[in-house]
Amino acid sequence: METLLAAFRRQVTESIARAFGNALSSDEAMADMAPCAQEEFGHYQCNSALRLSKLLKQNPRVIAQQIIDHFHSPMCSKVEIAGPGFINFTLSSPFLSEQLQEQLSDRF
């Protein structure tokens, strides 16, 4: 079973690839994902826009917005840009409830 972090990384990587097409290799398009260190920023964060800004020679906030524009997932209730180009993802309550139900049913 794919972990939640792996699922996010895959979906955001696909969004980066859709946003920038052939301008990036598959390795360059790989999303830099991590759990948020501070809960008020959401559940997960992506720092890829900062790294990609050097490769694409664009403002990281512009790159972050392009990634968000190509990210479509019912997993999130909120996706926002913070600071110089971090993308913060907040999981939706229905998605979290579904995940919890799956975990509980797997145990019993």
Protein backbone atom coordinates (compact mmCIF):
# COMPACT_ATOMS: atom_id res chain seq x y z
CA MET A 1 0.00 0.00 0.00
CA GLU A 2 1.30 3.43 -0.94
CA THR A 3 1.98 5.76 1.98
CA LEU A 4 0.23 9.10 2.11
CA LEU A 5 3.51 10.95 1.61
CA ALA A 6 4.33 8.78 -1.43
CA ALA A 7 0.86 9.44 -2.87
CA PHE A 8 1.34 13.19 -2.44
CA ARG A 9 4.80 13.05 -3.97
CA ARG A 10 3.43 11.15 -6.99
CA GLN A 11 0.51 13.55 -7.50
CA VAL A 12 2.62 16.69 -7.13
CA THR A 13 5.31 15.23 -9.40
CA GLU A 14 2.62 14.63 -12.02
CA SER A 15 1.45 18.23 -11.57
CA ILE A 16 4.99 19.53 -12.07
CA ALA A 17 5.35 17.42 -15.22
CA ARG A 18 2.02 18.74 -16.59
CA ALA A 19 2.95 22.32 -15.74
CA PHE A 20 6.40 22.32 -17.32
CA GLY A 21 6.27 19.50 -19.87
CA ASN A 22 9.53 18.85 -21.69
CA ALA A 23 11.35 21.70 -19.94
CA LEU A 24 12.24 19.26 -17.11
CA SER A 25 13.58 15.72 -16.98
CA SER A 26 11.66 13.19 -14.89
CA ASP A 27 14.31 13.50 -12.16
CA GLU A 28 14.04 17.31 -12.17
CA ALA A 29 10.23 17.07 -11.97
CA MET A 30 10.33 14.88 -8.84
CA ALA A 31 8.49 16.70 -6.05
CA ASP A 32 10.32 17.62 -2.84
CA MET A 33 7.68 16.73 -0.25
CA ALA A 34 7.77 16.60 3.54
CA PRO A 35 5.36 16.70 6.46
CA CYS A 36 4.90 20.25 7.73
CA ALA A 37 6.95 20.97 10.81
CA GLN A 38 4.33 23.42 12.09
CA GLU A 39 0.70 22.29 12.06
CA GLU A 40 -0.67 25.76 11.26
CA PHE A 41 0.89 25.53 7.78
CA GLY A 42 -0.96 22.33 6.87
CA HIS A 43 -0.13 18.66 6.74
CA TYR A 44 2.45 18.53 3.95
CA GLN A 45 4.71 20.99 2.18
CA CYS A 46 6.44 21.04 -1.18
CA ASN A 47 9.68 22.95 -1.68
CA SER A 48 10.12 22.14 -5.38
CA ALA A 49 9.35 25.65 -6.64
CA LEU A 50 12.47 26.98 -4.94
CA ARG A 51 14.69 24.38 -6.61
CA LEU A 52 12.94 24.70 -9.97
CA SER A 53 13.27 28.49 -9.99
CA LYS A 54 17.00 28.10 -10.57
CA LEU A 55 16.52 25.60 -13.41
CA LEU A 56 13.68 27.50 -15.12
CA LYS A 57 14.95 31.00 -14.28
CA GLN A 58 11.55 32.09 -13.00
CA ASN A 59 10.22 33.49 -9.75
CA PRO A 60 9.55 30.58 -7.32
CA ARG A 61 6.10 31.94 -6.42
CA VAL A 62 5.15 31.91 -10.12
CA ILE A 63 6.38 28.33 -10.39
CA ALA A 64 4.47 27.37 -7.23
CA GLN A 65 1.28 28.83 -8.71
CA GLN A 66 1.78 26.85 -11.92
CA ILE A 67 2.18 23.66 -9.90
CA ILE A 68 -1.00 24.43 -7.94
CA ASP A 69 -2.88 25.19 -11.17
CA HIS A 70 -2.07 21.67 -12.38
CA PHE A 71 -2.76 19.93 -9.05
CA HIS A 72 -6.23 18.42 -8.79
CA SER A 73 -6.97 16.17 -5.85
CA PRO A 74 -9.96 15.64 -3.56
CA MET A 75 -7.43 14.80 -0.81
CA CYS A 76 -6.93 18.49 0.01
CA SER A 77 -9.21 21.12 1.44
CA LYS A 78 -6.59 23.85 1.02
CA VAL A 79 -3.46 24.34 -1.10
CA GLU A 80 -1.59 27.61 -0.71
CA ILE A 81 1.70 29.32 -1.42
CA ALA A 82 3.68 30.53 1.57
CA GLY A 83 6.83 32.60 1.86
CA PRO A 84 9.17 32.60 -1.12
CA GLY A 85 7.46 29.65 -2.85
CA PHE A 86 6.62 26.86 -0.44
CA ILE A 87 3.37 25.03 -1.22
CA ASN A 88 1.37 23.93 1.82
CA PHE A 89 -1.26 21.20 1.59
CA THR A 90 -4.05 20.73 4.13
CA LEU A 91 -5.88 17.42 3.96
CA SER A 92 -9.66 17.49 3.83
CA SER A 93 -11.72 16.13 6.73
CA PRO A 94 -13.60 13.66 4.49
CA PHE A 95 -10.31 12.31 3.14
CA LEU A 96 -8.84 11.94 6.65
CA SER A 97 -12.01 10.20 7.83
CA GLU A 98 -11.82 7.80 4.87
CA GLN A 99 -8.18 7.02 5.63
CA LEU A 100 -8.98 6.37 9.29
CA GLN A 101 -11.86 4.06 8.36
CA GLU A 102 -9.55 2.09 6.04
CA GLN A 103 -6.94 1.76 8.79
CA LEU A 104 -9.53 0.58 11.29
CA SER A 105 -11.02 -1.96 8.91
CA ASP A 106 -7.53 -3.33 8.16
CA ARG A 107 -6.92 -3.92 11.87
CA PHE A 108 -10.16 -5.75 12.64
